[in-house]
Amino acid sequence: MLQKFFYALYTTFIAFFDKAKPQQVPLALYKQSIFNPVGLWTFAAALGLGLTFYYLFNGSQLAPLNQLKWYRRPHWLLTLLLAAGLGAWLAYYIGISLGAAPEPYLRYFIVVNALVAGLWFGLGSVLVKRWSTQASSTPF
């Protein structure tokens, strides 16, 4: 089920960038071996960064970190960029280690996974921010 979800998610977004015909790209390799682990690791990393931002840096139990005022919008944007960068790195590293060739399709996949990581981080922020003591109004 997750394999179908990640396959649909990634192929839909990659289609916006890549105009190559599907038979030119080894989609079976991506569908069976790459999309699922990259999607799961990206989701976990983005959620972990969200929890770190809202609870570790902005939790009431860590008063010295609260004095740094890391609950502001620029810090949230930096964490969003970190999530996107981590998503891009995960797509590259896992893709290459599982046999993907460094071709244009992999580059599009890296860009799409960076966008997906930002999306997961944003959605996770909306879900967990209400329980944060300092950053309950960050980013909006």
N, C-alpha and C. Protein backbone atom coordinates (compact mmCIF):
# COMPACT_ATOMS: atom_id res chain seq x y z
N MET A 1 0.81 -1.19 0.00
CA MET A 1 0.00 0.00 0.00
C MET A 1 0.85 1.26 0.00
N LEU A 2 1.86 1.30 0.87
CA LEU A 2 2.76 2.45 0.87
C LEU A 2 3.54 2.54 -0.43
N GLN A 3 3.89 1.40 -0.99
CA GLN A 3 4.62 1.41 -2.25
C GLN A 3 3.79 2.07 -3.35
N LYS A 4 2.49 1.78 -3.39
CA LYS A 4 1.62 2.41 -4.38
C LYS A 4 1.49 3.90 -4.12
N PHE A 5 1.40 4.29 -2.84
CA PHE A 5 1.28 5.70 -2.49
C PHE A 5 2.51 6.48 -2.93
N PHE A 6 3.70 5.97 -2.57
CA PHE A 6 4.92 6.69 -2.93
C PHE A 6 5.15 6.66 -4.44
N TYR A 7 4.80 5.57 -5.10
CA TYR A 7 4.93 5.51 -6.55
C TYR A 7 4.05 6.57 -7.20
N ALA A 8 2.81 6.66 -6.78
CA ALA A 8 1.89 7.66 -7.35
C ALA A 8 2.36 9.08 -7.03
N LEU A 9 2.79 9.30 -5.81
CA LEU A 9 3.26 10.62 -5.40
C LEU A 9 4.44 11.08 -6.23
N TYR A 10 5.46 10.23 -6.30
CA TYR A 10 6.68 10.64 -6.98
C TYR A 10 6.51 10.71 -8.50
N THR A 11 5.83 9.73 -9.09
CA THR A 11 5.69 9.78 -10.55
C THR A 11 4.81 10.96 -10.99
N THR A 12 3.83 11.32 -10.18
CA THR A 12 2.99 12.47 -10.51
C THR A 12 3.80 13.76 -10.50
N PHE A 13 4.59 13.97 -9.44
CA PHE A 13 5.38 15.19 -9.36
C PHE A 13 6.54 15.21 -10.36
N ILE A 14 7.16 14.06 -10.58
CA ILE A 14 8.26 14.01 -11.54
C ILE A 14 7.77 14.29 -12.95
N ALA A 15 6.53 13.90 -13.25
CA ALA A 15 5.97 14.14 -14.57
C ALA A 15 5.89 15.63 -14.90
N PHE A 16 5.79 16.48 -13.89
CA PHE A 16 5.80 17.93 -14.14
C PHE A 16 7.14 18.40 -14.68
N PHE A 17 8.23 17.75 -14.26
CA PHE A 17 9.57 18.17 -14.65
C PHE A 17 10.11 17.38 -15.83
N ASP A 18 9.88 16.08 -15.82
CA ASP A 18 10.50 15.18 -16.79
C ASP A 18 9.52 14.87 -17.91
N LYS A 19 9.92 15.17 -19.13
CA LYS A 19 9.07 14.90 -20.29
C LYS A 19 9.52 13.63 -21.02
N ALA A 20 10.44 12.86 -20.45
CA ALA A 20 10.92 11.64 -21.08
C ALA A 20 9.82 10.59 -21.06
N LYS A 21 9.85 9.73 -22.04
CA LYS A 21 8.88 8.65 -22.09
C LYS A 21 9.22 7.62 -21.01
N PRO A 22 8.20 7.05 -20.37
CA PRO A 22 8.46 6.12 -19.27
C PRO A 22 9.34 4.93 -19.65
N GLN A 23 9.32 4.49 -20.91
CA GLN A 23 10.15 3.35 -21.25
C GLN A 23 11.64 3.71 -21.30
N GLN A 24 11.97 4.99 -21.30
CA GLN A 24 13.37 5.41 -21.29
C GLN A 24 13.96 5.37 -19.87
N VAL A 25 13.13 5.25 -18.89
CA VAL A 25 13.56 5.28 -17.49
C VAL A 25 13.24 3.93 -16.85
N PRO A 26 14.15 3.37 -16.08
CA PRO A 26 13.87 2.08 -15.42
C PRO A 26 12.92 2.27 -14.24
N LEU A 27 11.64 2.47 -14.54
CA LEU A 27 10.66 2.73 -13.48
C LEU A 27 10.48 1.54 -12.55
N ALA A 28 10.72 0.33 -13.03
CA ALA A 28 10.58 -0.84 -12.15
C ALA A 28 11.58 -0.76 -11.00
N LEU A 29 12.79 -0.31 -11.27
CA LEU A 29 13.80 -0.16 -10.22
C LEU A 29 13.34 0.87 -9.20
N TYR A 30 12.85 1.99 -9.68
CA TYR A 30 12.40 3.03 -8.76
C TYR A 30 11.18 2.56 -7.96
N LYS A 31 10.22 1.93 -8.65
CA LYS A 31 9.00 1.50 -7.97
C LYS A 31 9.28 0.42 -6.93
N GLN A 32 10.09 -0.55 -7.26
CA GLN A 32 10.31 -1.69 -6.38
C GLN A 32 11.36 -1.42 -5.30
N SER A 33 12.36 -0.60 -5.62
CA SER A 33 13.49 -0.51 -4.70
C SER A 33 13.76 0.87 -4.12
N ILE A 34 13.38 1.93 -4.80
CA ILE A 34 13.85 3.25 -4.40
C ILE A 34 12.76 4.12 -3.77
N PHE A 35 11.59 4.20 -4.39
CA PHE A 35 10.57 5.13 -3.92
C PHE A 35 10.16 4.87 -2.47
N ASN A 36 9.94 3.62 -2.10
CA ASN A 36 9.45 3.31 -0.76
C ASN A 36 10.46 3.67 0.34
N PRO A 37 11.71 3.21 0.28
CA PRO A 37 12.62 3.59 1.36
C PRO A 37 12.91 5.08 1.41
N VAL A 38 13.02 5.72 0.24
CA VAL A 38 13.26 7.16 0.24
C VAL A 38 12.07 7.89 0.83
N GLY A 39 10.86 7.48 0.45
CA GLY A 39 9.67 8.12 0.98
C GLY A 39 9.54 7.96 2.49
N LEU A 40 9.81 6.77 2.99
CA LEU A 40 9.71 6.53 4.43
C LEU A 40 10.77 7.30 5.21
N TRP A 41 12.01 7.28 4.73
CA TRP A 41 13.08 8.01 5.40
C TRP A 41 12.85 9.51 5.34
N THR A 42 12.33 10.00 4.23
CA THR A 42 12.05 11.43 4.11
C THR A 42 10.94 11.84 5.07
N PHE A 43 9.89 11.03 5.14
CA PHE A 43 8.81 11.31 6.08
C PHE A 43 9.32 11.33 7.51
N ALA A 44 10.11 10.33 7.88
CA ALA A 44 10.64 10.25 9.25
C ALA A 44 11.57 11.43 9.55
N ALA A 45 12.42 11.79 8.59
CA ALA A 45 13.35 12.90 8.82
C ALA A 45 12.62 14.22 8.95
N ALA A 46 11.63 14.47 8.10
CA ALA A 46 10.88 15.72 8.17
C ALA A 46 10.08 15.80 9.47
N LEU A 47 9.46 14.70 9.85
CA LEU A 47 8.72 14.68 11.11
C LEU A 47 9.67 14.85 12.30
N GLY A 48 10.83 14.22 12.23
CA GLY A 48 11.82 14.37 13.30
C GLY A 48 12.31 15.80 13.42
N LEU A 49 12.53 16.47 12.30
CA LEU A 49 12.93 17.87 12.36
C LEU A 49 11.81 18.74 12.91
N GLY A 50 10.57 18.43 12.55
CA GLY A 50 9.45 19.19 13.10
C GLY A 50 9.35 19.03 14.60
N LEU A 51 9.46 17.79 15.07
CA LEU A 51 9.41 17.56 16.51
C LEU A 51 10.59 18.21 17.22
N THR A 52 11.75 18.18 16.60
CA THR A 52 12.92 18.84 17.18
C THR A 52 12.69 20.34 17.27
N PHE A 53 12.17 20.94 16.22
CA PHE A 53 11.94 22.38 16.23
C PHE A 53 10.92 22.77 17.29
N TYR A 54 9.81 22.06 17.37
CA TYR A 54 8.73 22.48 18.26
C TYR A 54 8.91 22.04 19.70
N TYR A 55 9.61 20.94 19.93
CA TYR A 55 9.70 20.44 21.30
C TYR A 55 11.08 20.53 21.91
N LEU A 56 12.12 20.31 21.15
CA LEU A 56 13.45 20.39 21.73
C LEU A 56 13.90 21.83 21.86
N PHE A 57 13.76 22.61 20.78
CA PHE A 57 14.22 23.99 20.83
C PHE A 57 13.19 24.94 21.43
N ASN A 58 11.93 24.55 21.46
CA ASN A 58 10.89 25.45 21.93
C ASN A 58 10.03 24.84 23.03
N GLY A 59 10.55 23.88 23.73
CA GLY A 59 9.79 23.26 24.82
C GLY A 59 10.04 23.97 26.13
N SER A 60 9.11 23.88 27.02
CA SER A 60 9.24 24.59 28.30
C SER A 60 10.30 23.96 29.20
N GLN A 61 10.63 22.69 28.98
CA GLN A 61 11.60 22.03 29.85
C GLN A 61 13.04 22.45 29.56
N LEU A 62 13.28 23.11 28.47
CA LEU A 62 14.64 23.52 28.12
C LEU A 62 14.72 25.05 28.11
N ALA A 63 14.64 25.64 29.27
CA ALA A 63 14.60 27.10 29.39
C ALA A 63 15.80 27.81 28.75
N PRO A 64 17.03 27.30 28.88
CA PRO A 64 18.14 28.01 28.22
C PRO A 64 17.98 28.09 26.70
N LEU A 65 17.43 27.04 26.08
CA LEU A 65 17.21 27.11 24.64
C LEU A 65 16.08 28.06 24.29
N ASN A 66 15.11 28.22 25.17
CA ASN A 66 14.01 29.16 24.92
C ASN A 66 14.51 30.60 24.90
N GLN A 67 15.55 30.90 25.67
CA GLN A 67 16.07 32.26 25.70
C GLN A 67 16.76 32.64 24.39
N LEU A 68 17.10 31.65 23.57
CA LEU A 68 17.70 31.95 22.27
C LEU A 68 16.66 32.41 21.25
N LYS A 69 15.40 32.26 21.59
CA LYS A 69 14.27 32.69 20.75
C LYS A 69 14.30 32.02 19.37
N TRP A 70 14.45 30.70 19.39
CA TRP A 70 14.46 29.93 18.14
C TRP A 70 13.06 29.62 17.65
N TYR A 71 12.06 30.28 18.19
CA TYR A 71 10.69 30.03 17.79
C TYR A 71 10.21 31.00 16.72
N ARG A 72 11.06 31.84 16.23
CA ARG A 72 10.67 32.85 15.24
C ARG A 72 10.58 32.24 13.85
N ARG A 73 9.88 32.95 12.98
CA ARG A 73 9.63 32.49 11.61
C ARG A 73 10.93 32.23 10.81
N PRO A 74 11.97 33.07 10.89
CA PRO A 74 13.19 32.76 10.13
C PRO A 74 13.83 31.43 10.54
N HIS A 75 13.72 31.09 11.81
CA HIS A 75 14.29 29.81 12.25
C HIS A 75 13.46 28.64 11.72
N TRP A 76 12.15 28.84 11.63
CA TRP A 76 11.30 27.81 11.05
C TRP A 76 11.64 27.63 9.58
N LEU A 77 11.86 28.74 8.86
CA LEU A 77 12.24 28.66 7.44
C LEU A 77 13.58 27.96 7.26
N LEU A 78 14.52 28.24 8.16
CA LEU A 78 15.80 27.54 8.08
C LEU A 78 15.63 26.04 8.32
N THR A 79 14.76 25.68 9.23
CA THR A 79 14.50 24.26 9.49
C THR A 79 13.79 23.63 8.30
N LEU A 80 12.91 24.37 7.65
CA LEU A 80 12.26 23.90 6.43
C LEU A 80 13.29 23.65 5.33
N LEU A 81 14.22 24.57 5.17
CA LEU A 81 15.29 24.38 4.17
C LEU A 81 16.18 23.20 4.53
N LEU A 82 16.42 23.01 5.82
CA LEU A 82 17.19 21.85 6.25
C LEU A 82 16.46 20.56 5.92
N ALA A 83 15.15 20.54 6.12
CA ALA A 83 14.35 19.36 5.78
C ALA A 83 14.41 19.09 4.28
N ALA A 84 14.30 20.14 3.47
CA ALA A 84 14.37 19.98 2.02
C ALA A 84 15.75 19.48 1.59
N GLY A 85 16.79 20.04 2.17
CA GLY A 85 18.14 19.59 1.85
C GLY A 85 18.38 18.15 2.26
N LEU A 86 17.86 17.78 3.41
CA LEU A 86 17.98 16.40 3.86
C LEU A 86 17.20 15.46 2.95
N GLY A 87 16.04 15.91 2.48
CA GLY A 87 15.27 15.12 1.53
C GLY A 87 16.00 14.90 0.22
N ALA A 88 16.66 15.95 -0.26
CA ALA A 88 17.44 15.82 -1.49
C ALA A 88 18.60 14.85 -1.29
N TRP A 89 19.29 14.97 -0.16
CA TRP A 89 20.41 14.08 0.10
C TRP A 89 19.94 12.64 0.23
N LEU A 90 18.83 12.41 0.91
CA LEU A 90 18.31 11.05 1.05
C LEU A 90 17.97 10.44 -0.30
N ALA A 91 17.34 11.22 -1.17
CA ALA A 91 17.00 10.71 -2.50
C ALA A 91 18.25 10.35 -3.28
N TYR A 92 19.27 11.18 -3.21
CA TYR A 92 20.51 10.90 -3.93
C TYR A 92 21.22 9.69 -3.34
N TYR A 93 21.42 9.70 -2.03
CA TYR A 93 22.20 8.65 -1.39
C TYR A 93 21.53 7.28 -1.53
N ILE A 94 20.25 7.21 -1.21
CA ILE A 94 19.55 5.93 -1.29
C ILE A 94 19.40 5.50 -2.74
N GLY A 95 19.10 6.44 -3.63
CA GLY A 95 18.96 6.10 -5.05
C GLY A 95 20.24 5.52 -5.64
N ILE A 96 21.35 6.17 -5.40
CA ILE A 96 22.64 5.69 -5.92
C ILE A 96 23.02 4.36 -5.27
N SER A 97 22.80 4.24 -3.96
CA SER A 97 23.19 2.99 -3.28
C SER A 97 22.33 1.80 -3.72
N LEU A 98 21.12 2.06 -4.22
CA LEU A 98 20.26 0.96 -4.68
C LEU A 98 20.33 0.75 -6.19
N GLY A 99 21.25 1.40 -6.86
CA GLY A 99 21.50 1.10 -8.26
C GLY A 99 20.95 2.06 -9.29
N ALA A 100 20.48 3.21 -8.88
CA ALA A 100 19.99 4.19 -9.85
C ALA A 100 21.17 4.84 -10.56
N ALA A 101 21.05 5.00 -11.85
CA ALA A 101 22.11 5.65 -12.62
C ALA A 101 21.99 7.16 -12.47
N PRO A 102 23.12 7.86 -12.44
CA PRO A 102 23.06 9.33 -12.36
C PRO A 102 22.58 9.92 -13.68
N GLU A 103 21.32 9.90 -13.89
CA GLU A 103 20.69 10.36 -15.12
C GLU A 103 19.70 11.46 -14.79
N PRO A 104 19.12 12.10 -15.79
CA PRO A 104 18.17 13.19 -15.49
C PRO A 104 17.00 12.78 -14.62
N TYR A 105 16.51 11.56 -14.76
CA TYR A 105 15.37 11.13 -13.93
C TYR A 105 15.73 11.16 -12.46
N LEU A 106 16.93 10.75 -12.11
CA LEU A 106 17.37 10.80 -10.71
C LEU A 106 17.44 12.24 -10.23
N ARG A 107 17.91 13.14 -11.07
CA ARG A 107 17.96 14.55 -10.67
C ARG A 107 16.57 15.11 -10.43
N TYR A 108 15.61 14.75 -11.27
CA TYR A 108 14.24 15.19 -11.05
C TYR A 108 13.68 14.58 -9.76
N PHE A 109 14.02 13.34 -9.52
CA PHE A 109 13.58 12.68 -8.30
C PHE A 109 14.15 13.38 -7.07
N ILE A 110 15.40 13.81 -7.14
CA ILE A 110 16.02 14.52 -6.02
C ILE A 110 15.28 15.83 -5.75
N VAL A 111 14.98 16.57 -6.80
CA VAL A 111 14.25 17.84 -6.64
C VAL A 111 12.86 17.60 -6.06
N VAL A 112 12.17 16.61 -6.60
CA VAL A 112 10.82 16.30 -6.11
C VAL A 112 10.87 15.85 -4.66
N ASN A 113 11.84 15.07 -4.28
CA ASN A 113 11.92 14.61 -2.90
C ASN A 113 12.24 15.77 -1.96
N ALA A 114 13.01 16.73 -2.40
CA ALA A 114 13.24 17.92 -1.58
C ALA A 114 11.94 18.68 -1.36
N LEU A 115 11.12 18.79 -2.40
CA LEU A 115 9.82 19.45 -2.26
C LEU A 115 8.89 18.65 -1.35
N VAL A 116 8.92 17.33 -1.49
CA VAL A 116 8.08 16.47 -0.65
C VAL A 116 8.51 16.57 0.82
N ALA A 117 9.82 16.64 1.06
CA ALA A 117 10.30 16.79 2.44
C ALA A 117 9.80 18.10 3.04
N GLY A 118 9.84 19.17 2.26
CA GLY A 118 9.29 20.44 2.74
C GLY A 118 7.81 20.35 3.00
N LEU A 119 7.10 19.63 2.16
CA LEU A 119 5.66 19.43 2.35
C LEU A 119 5.38 18.65 3.63
N TRP A 120 6.13 17.57 3.85
CA TRP A 120 5.94 16.79 5.09
C TRP A 120 6.26 17.63 6.31
N PHE A 121 7.31 18.43 6.23
CA PHE A 121 7.67 19.29 7.37
C PHE A 121 6.57 20.31 7.64
N GLY A 122 6.03 20.91 6.59
CA GLY A 122 4.96 21.89 6.76
C GLY A 122 3.71 21.27 7.35
N LEU A 123 3.32 20.10 6.84
CA LEU A 123 2.14 19.42 7.38
C LEU A 123 2.37 18.99 8.83
N GLY A 124 3.56 18.50 9.10
CA GLY A 124 3.88 18.12 10.48
C GLY A 124 3.87 19.32 11.42
N SER A 125 4.30 20.46 10.92
CA SER A 125 4.28 21.68 11.73
C SER A 125 2.86 22.07 12.11
N VAL A 126 1.97 21.97 11.14
CA VAL A 126 0.57 22.31 11.42
C VAL A 126 0.00 21.38 12.48
N LEU A 127 0.39 20.12 12.44
CA LEU A 127 -0.17 19.14 13.38
C LEU A 127 0.39 19.26 14.80
N VAL A 128 1.68 19.57 14.94
CA VAL A 128 2.29 19.52 16.28
C VAL A 128 2.52 20.88 16.92
N LYS A 129 2.33 21.96 16.20
CA LYS A 129 2.68 23.26 16.77
C LYS A 129 1.78 23.68 17.93
N ARG A 130 0.56 23.19 17.98
CA ARG A 130 -0.37 23.63 19.03
C ARG A 130 0.08 23.18 20.42
N TRP A 131 0.94 22.18 20.50
CA TRP A 131 1.40 21.70 21.80
C TRP A 131 2.73 22.31 22.21
N SER A 132 3.29 23.16 21.38
CA SER A 132 4.54 23.84 21.71
C SER A 132 4.25 25.04 22.60
N THR A 133 5.14 25.28 23.56
CA THR A 133 4.92 26.40 24.46
C THR A 133 5.36 27.73 23.86
N GLN A 134 6.45 27.74 23.13
CA GLN A 134 6.99 28.98 22.59
C GLN A 134 6.60 29.23 21.14
N ALA A 135 6.50 28.16 20.35
CA ALA A 135 6.32 28.32 18.90
C ALA A 135 4.93 27.95 18.43
N SER A 136 3.93 28.17 19.24
CA SER A 136 2.59 27.75 18.86
C SER A 136 2.02 28.59 17.72
N SER A 137 2.60 29.73 17.43
CA SER A 137 2.13 30.55 16.30
C SER A 137 3.12 30.57 15.14
N THR A 138 4.17 29.79 15.22
CA THR A 138 5.15 29.73 14.13
C THR A 138 4.77 28.60 13.20
N PRO A 139 4.75 28.76 11.93
CA PRO A 139 5.11 29.90 11.09
C PRO A 139 3.94 30.83 10.83
N PHE A 140 2.72 30.40 11.14
CA PHE A 140 1.54 31.23 10.88
C PHE A 140 0.52 31.03 11.98
